[in-house]
């Protein structure tokens, strides 16, 4: 083996070491990113659950407001209650199918 060959092999080994170091760095970074992604996925799941709960609470609040009765709009409230009863009947029919 000549001196040029030895230098080429040393350069090649140096580049391989550098490549392995870069691989380890990228592997570590990838692991950190996966952990962050899992944390974000969990956060998204929790926020979706909270959103669903808030939407349900809002719907319940809207329904309770529909049933509020004041002295001058009793007829309107009766119409709303009748509409709710029809909607409930329709839902029951759909469940029975």
N, C-alpha and C. Protein backbone atom coordinates (compact mmCIF):
# COMPACT_ATOMS: atom_id res chain seq x y z
N UNK A 1 0.85 -1.17 0.00
CA UNK A 1 0.00 0.00 0.00
C UNK A 1 0.90 1.25 0.00
N UNK A 2 0.53 2.19 -0.81
CA UNK A 2 1.34 3.40 -0.92
C UNK A 2 0.87 4.43 0.09
N UNK A 3 1.65 5.47 0.17
CA UNK A 3 1.33 6.55 1.10
C UNK A 3 0.02 7.24 0.70
N UNK A 4 -0.23 7.39 -0.58
CA UNK A 4 -1.48 7.99 -1.07
C UNK A 4 -2.69 7.14 -0.66
N UNK A 5 -2.50 5.83 -0.77
CA UNK A 5 -3.59 4.93 -0.37
C UNK A 5 -3.88 5.06 1.13
N UNK A 6 -2.84 5.18 1.92
CA UNK A 6 -3.02 5.33 3.37
C UNK A 6 -3.76 6.62 3.69
N UNK A 7 -3.38 7.70 3.00
CA UNK A 7 -4.07 8.98 3.22
C UNK A 7 -5.53 8.88 2.82
N UNK A 8 -5.79 8.23 1.70
CA UNK A 8 -7.18 8.07 1.25
C UNK A 8 -7.98 7.26 2.26
N UNK A 9 -7.38 6.21 2.80
CA UNK A 9 -8.08 5.38 3.79
C UNK A 9 -8.34 6.19 5.06
N UNK A 10 -7.37 6.98 5.49
CA UNK A 10 -7.55 7.82 6.67
C UNK A 10 -8.67 8.85 6.45
N UNK A 11 -8.67 9.44 5.26
CA UNK A 11 -9.72 10.41 4.94
C UNK A 11 -11.08 9.72 4.92
N UNK A 12 -11.10 8.52 4.33
CA UNK A 12 -12.35 7.76 4.26
C UNK A 12 -12.84 7.41 5.67
N UNK A 13 -11.91 6.96 6.54
CA UNK A 13 -12.29 6.63 7.91
C UNK A 13 -12.78 7.87 8.65
N UNK A 14 -12.15 9.01 8.43
CA UNK A 14 -12.59 10.25 9.06
C UNK A 14 -14.00 10.63 8.61
N UNK A 15 -14.24 10.49 7.32
CA UNK A 15 -15.58 10.80 6.79
C UNK A 15 -16.63 9.83 7.33
N UNK A 16 -16.24 8.56 7.48
CA UNK A 16 -17.18 7.57 8.02
C UNK A 16 -17.49 7.91 9.48
N UNK A 17 -16.46 8.28 10.28
CA UNK A 17 -16.69 8.67 11.67
C UNK A 17 -17.62 9.87 11.74
N UNK A 18 -17.37 10.84 10.86
CA UNK A 18 -18.21 12.05 10.83
C UNK A 18 -19.65 11.68 10.47
N UNK A 19 -19.80 10.78 9.50
CA UNK A 19 -21.13 10.33 9.09
C UNK A 19 -21.85 9.61 10.23
N UNK A 20 -21.12 8.77 10.97
CA UNK A 20 -21.70 8.05 12.11
C UNK A 20 -22.12 9.05 13.19
N UNK A 21 -21.27 10.06 13.43
CA UNK A 21 -21.63 11.09 14.41
C UNK A 21 -22.88 11.84 13.99
N UNK A 22 -22.95 12.19 12.71
CA UNK A 22 -24.15 12.87 12.20
C UNK A 22 -25.37 11.98 12.34
N UNK A 23 -25.21 10.69 12.06
CA UNK A 23 -26.31 9.75 12.20
C UNK A 23 -26.81 9.71 13.64
N UNK A 24 -25.87 9.64 14.60
CA UNK A 24 -26.24 9.62 16.01
C UNK A 24 -26.97 10.91 16.40
N UNK A 25 -26.50 12.04 15.89
CA UNK A 25 -27.14 13.32 16.18
C UNK A 25 -28.56 13.35 15.63
N UNK A 26 -28.72 12.91 14.40
CA UNK A 26 -30.05 12.90 13.77
C UNK A 26 -30.96 11.91 14.49
N UNK A 27 -30.41 10.77 14.90
CA UNK A 27 -31.21 9.77 15.62
C UNK A 27 -31.71 10.34 16.94
N UNK A 28 -30.84 11.04 17.66
CA UNK A 28 -31.22 11.66 18.93
C UNK A 28 -32.28 12.74 18.69
N UNK A 29 -32.07 13.55 17.68
CA UNK A 29 -33.03 14.61 17.34
C UNK A 29 -34.38 14.00 16.96
N UNK A 30 -34.33 12.92 16.20
CA UNK A 30 -35.56 12.25 15.80
C UNK A 30 -36.32 11.73 17.00
N UNK A 31 -35.59 11.18 17.96
CA UNK A 31 -36.22 10.68 19.17
C UNK A 31 -36.89 11.81 19.95
N UNK A 32 -36.20 12.94 20.06
CA UNK A 32 -36.79 14.10 20.74
C UNK A 32 -38.04 14.59 20.02
N UNK A 33 -37.97 14.63 18.68
CA UNK A 33 -39.12 15.08 17.91
C UNK A 33 -40.30 14.14 18.06
N UNK A 34 -40.02 12.84 18.12
CA UNK A 34 -41.11 11.88 18.34
C UNK A 34 -41.77 12.10 19.70
N UNK A 35 -40.96 12.36 20.71
CA UNK A 35 -41.50 12.63 22.04
C UNK A 35 -42.36 13.89 22.03
N UNK A 36 -41.88 14.92 21.35
CA UNK A 36 -42.66 16.16 21.25
C UNK A 36 -43.96 15.92 20.50
N UNK A 37 -43.90 15.11 19.44
CA UNK A 37 -45.09 14.81 18.67
C UNK A 37 -46.12 14.06 19.52
N UNK A 38 -45.66 13.10 20.30
CA UNK A 38 -46.56 12.37 21.19
C UNK A 38 -47.20 13.31 22.21
N UNK A 39 -46.40 14.23 22.74
CA UNK A 39 -46.93 15.19 23.71
C UNK A 39 -47.98 16.08 23.05
N UNK A 40 -47.72 16.53 21.83
CA UNK A 40 -48.68 17.38 21.11
C UNK A 40 -49.94 16.60 20.78
N UNK A 41 -49.79 15.33 20.39
CA UNK A 41 -50.96 14.50 20.11
C UNK A 41 -51.83 14.36 21.36
N UNK A 42 -51.19 14.16 22.50
CA UNK A 42 -51.94 14.05 23.76
C UNK A 42 -52.63 15.37 24.08
N UNK A 43 -51.93 16.47 23.85
CA UNK A 43 -52.53 17.79 24.10
C UNK A 43 -53.73 18.02 23.19
N UNK A 44 -53.60 17.63 21.93
CA UNK A 44 -54.70 17.77 20.98
C UNK A 44 -55.89 16.92 21.42
N UNK A 45 -55.62 15.68 21.88
CA UNK A 45 -56.70 14.81 22.34
C UNK A 45 -57.43 15.44 23.52
N UNK A 46 -56.67 15.99 24.46
CA UNK A 46 -57.28 16.62 25.63
C UNK A 46 -58.09 17.85 25.23
N UNK A 47 -57.56 18.64 24.30
CA UNK A 47 -58.28 19.84 23.86
C UNK A 47 -59.55 19.48 23.11
N UNK A 48 -59.50 18.41 22.32
CA UNK A 48 -60.71 17.96 21.62
C UNK A 48 -61.77 17.50 22.62
N UNK A 49 -61.31 16.80 23.65
CA UNK A 49 -62.24 16.34 24.69
C UNK A 49 -62.84 17.54 25.42
N UNK A 50 -62.01 18.51 25.74
CA UNK A 50 -62.51 19.72 26.41
C UNK A 50 -63.49 20.47 25.51
N UNK A 51 -63.17 20.55 24.22
CA UNK A 51 -64.06 21.22 23.27
C UNK A 51 -65.42 20.52 23.23
N UNK A 52 -65.40 19.19 23.19
CA UNK A 52 -66.65 18.44 23.16
C UNK A 52 -67.47 18.70 24.42
N UNK A 53 -66.79 18.75 25.56
CA UNK A 53 -67.50 19.03 26.82
C UNK A 53 -68.07 20.44 26.82
N UNK A 54 -67.30 21.39 26.32
CA UNK A 54 -67.78 22.78 26.26
C UNK A 54 -68.96 22.91 25.30
N UNK A 55 -68.90 22.20 24.17
CA UNK A 55 -70.01 22.25 23.23
C UNK A 55 -71.27 21.65 23.84
N UNK A 56 -71.10 20.57 24.58
CA UNK A 56 -72.25 19.95 25.24
C UNK A 56 -72.84 20.91 26.29
N UNK A 57 -71.96 21.55 27.05
CA UNK A 57 -72.43 22.52 28.05
C UNK A 57 -73.17 23.67 27.38
N UNK A 58 -72.64 24.12 26.25
CA UNK A 58 -73.27 25.22 25.52
C UNK A 58 -74.65 24.80 25.01
N UNK A 59 -74.74 23.59 24.48
CA UNK A 59 -76.04 23.11 24.00
C UNK A 59 -77.03 23.01 25.15
N UNK A 60 -76.57 22.53 26.30
CA UNK A 60 -77.45 22.44 27.47
C UNK A 60 -77.90 23.82 27.91
N UNK A 61 -77.00 24.78 27.87
CA UNK A 61 -77.35 26.15 28.24
C UNK A 61 -78.38 26.72 27.27
N UNK A 62 -78.18 26.46 25.98
CA UNK A 62 -79.15 26.94 24.99
C UNK A 62 -80.52 26.32 25.24
N UNK A 63 -80.53 25.02 25.55
CA UNK A 63 -81.81 24.35 25.81
C UNK A 63 -82.48 24.94 27.05
N UNK A 64 -81.70 25.24 28.07
CA UNK A 64 -82.29 25.79 29.28
C UNK A 64 -82.83 27.20 29.02
N UNK A 65 -82.17 27.95 28.17
CA UNK A 65 -82.65 29.30 27.83
C UNK A 65 -83.96 29.22 27.05
N UNK A 66 -84.11 28.15 26.26
CA UNK A 66 -85.34 27.98 25.50
C UNK A 66 -86.52 27.80 26.44
N UNK A 67 -86.26 27.16 27.56
CA UNK A 67 -87.35 26.86 28.48
C UNK A 67 -87.64 27.99 29.46
N UNK A 68 -86.85 29.05 29.44
CA UNK A 68 -87.12 30.18 30.32
C UNK A 68 -88.45 30.82 29.91
N UNK A 69 -89.22 31.12 30.92
CA UNK A 69 -90.55 31.69 30.67
C UNK A 69 -90.62 33.06 31.34
N UNK A 70 -90.99 34.03 30.52
CA UNK A 70 -91.27 35.35 31.09
C UNK A 70 -92.75 35.64 30.83
N UNK A 71 -93.30 36.61 31.51
CA UNK A 71 -94.73 36.88 31.45
C UNK A 71 -95.27 37.16 30.06
N UNK A 72 -94.55 37.83 29.21
CA UNK A 72 -95.11 38.26 27.93
C UNK A 72 -94.82 37.31 26.76
N UNK A 73 -93.99 36.31 26.94
CA UNK A 73 -93.72 35.42 25.80
C UNK A 73 -94.04 33.95 26.11
N UNK A 74 -95.13 33.71 26.81
CA UNK A 74 -95.54 32.34 27.15
C UNK A 74 -95.91 31.57 25.89
N UNK A 75 -96.60 32.22 24.95
CA UNK A 75 -96.98 31.54 23.71
C UNK A 75 -95.73 31.11 22.92
N UNK A 76 -94.75 31.99 22.86
CA UNK A 76 -93.51 31.66 22.16
C UNK A 76 -92.81 30.49 22.84
N UNK A 77 -92.81 30.49 24.16
CA UNK A 77 -92.17 29.40 24.91
C UNK A 77 -92.91 28.09 24.68
N UNK A 78 -94.24 28.15 24.63
CA UNK A 78 -95.02 26.94 24.36
C UNK A 78 -94.67 26.38 22.99
N UNK A 79 -94.48 27.26 22.00
CA UNK A 79 -94.10 26.82 20.66
C UNK A 79 -92.72 26.16 20.69
N UNK A 80 -91.82 26.74 21.44
CA UNK A 80 -90.47 26.17 21.54
C UNK A 80 -90.50 24.79 22.20
N UNK A 81 -91.29 24.68 23.26
CA UNK A 81 -91.39 23.38 23.95
C UNK A 81 -92.02 22.36 23.02
N UNK A 82 -93.05 22.76 22.28
CA UNK A 82 -93.67 21.83 21.33
C UNK A 82 -92.66 21.39 20.28
N UNK A 83 -91.85 22.31 19.81
CA UNK A 83 -90.81 21.97 18.84
C UNK A 83 -89.80 20.99 19.42
N UNK A 84 -89.43 21.22 20.68
CA UNK A 84 -88.51 20.30 21.33
C UNK A 84 -89.12 18.91 21.49
N UNK A 85 -90.40 18.87 21.83
CA UNK A 85 -91.07 17.58 21.98
C UNK A 85 -91.11 16.86 20.63
N UNK A 86 -91.40 17.59 19.56
CA UNK A 86 -91.40 16.97 18.23
C UNK A 86 -90.00 16.45 17.88
N UNK A 87 -88.99 17.22 18.20
CA UNK A 87 -87.61 16.79 17.92
C UNK A 87 -87.26 15.55 18.72
N UNK A 88 -87.67 15.50 19.98
CA UNK A 88 -87.42 14.33 20.81
C UNK A 88 -88.16 13.11 20.26
N UNK A 89 -89.41 13.30 19.86
CA UNK A 89 -90.17 12.20 19.27
C UNK A 89 -89.48 11.68 18.01
N UNK A 90 -88.99 12.60 17.19
CA UNK A 90 -88.29 12.21 15.97
C UNK A 90 -87.04 11.40 16.30
N UNK A 91 -86.30 11.83 17.31
CA UNK A 91 -85.08 11.12 17.72
C UNK A 91 -85.43 9.73 18.25
N UNK A 92 -86.52 9.62 19.00
CA UNK A 92 -86.94 8.32 19.53
C UNK A 92 -87.30 7.39 18.37
N UNK A 93 -88.00 7.93 17.37
CA UNK A 93 -88.35 7.11 16.20
C UNK A 93 -87.09 6.62 15.50
N UNK A 94 -86.11 7.49 15.36
CA UNK A 94 -84.87 7.08 14.70
C UNK A 94 -84.13 6.02 15.49
N UNK A 95 -84.19 6.10 16.82
CA UNK A 95 -83.55 5.10 17.65
C UNK A 95 -84.24 3.76 17.57
N UNK A 96 -85.55 3.77 17.36
CA UNK A 96 -86.32 2.53 17.32
C UNK A 96 -86.22 1.83 15.98
N UNK A 97 -85.69 2.49 14.98
CA UNK A 97 -85.62 1.89 13.64
C UNK A 97 -84.57 0.85 13.56
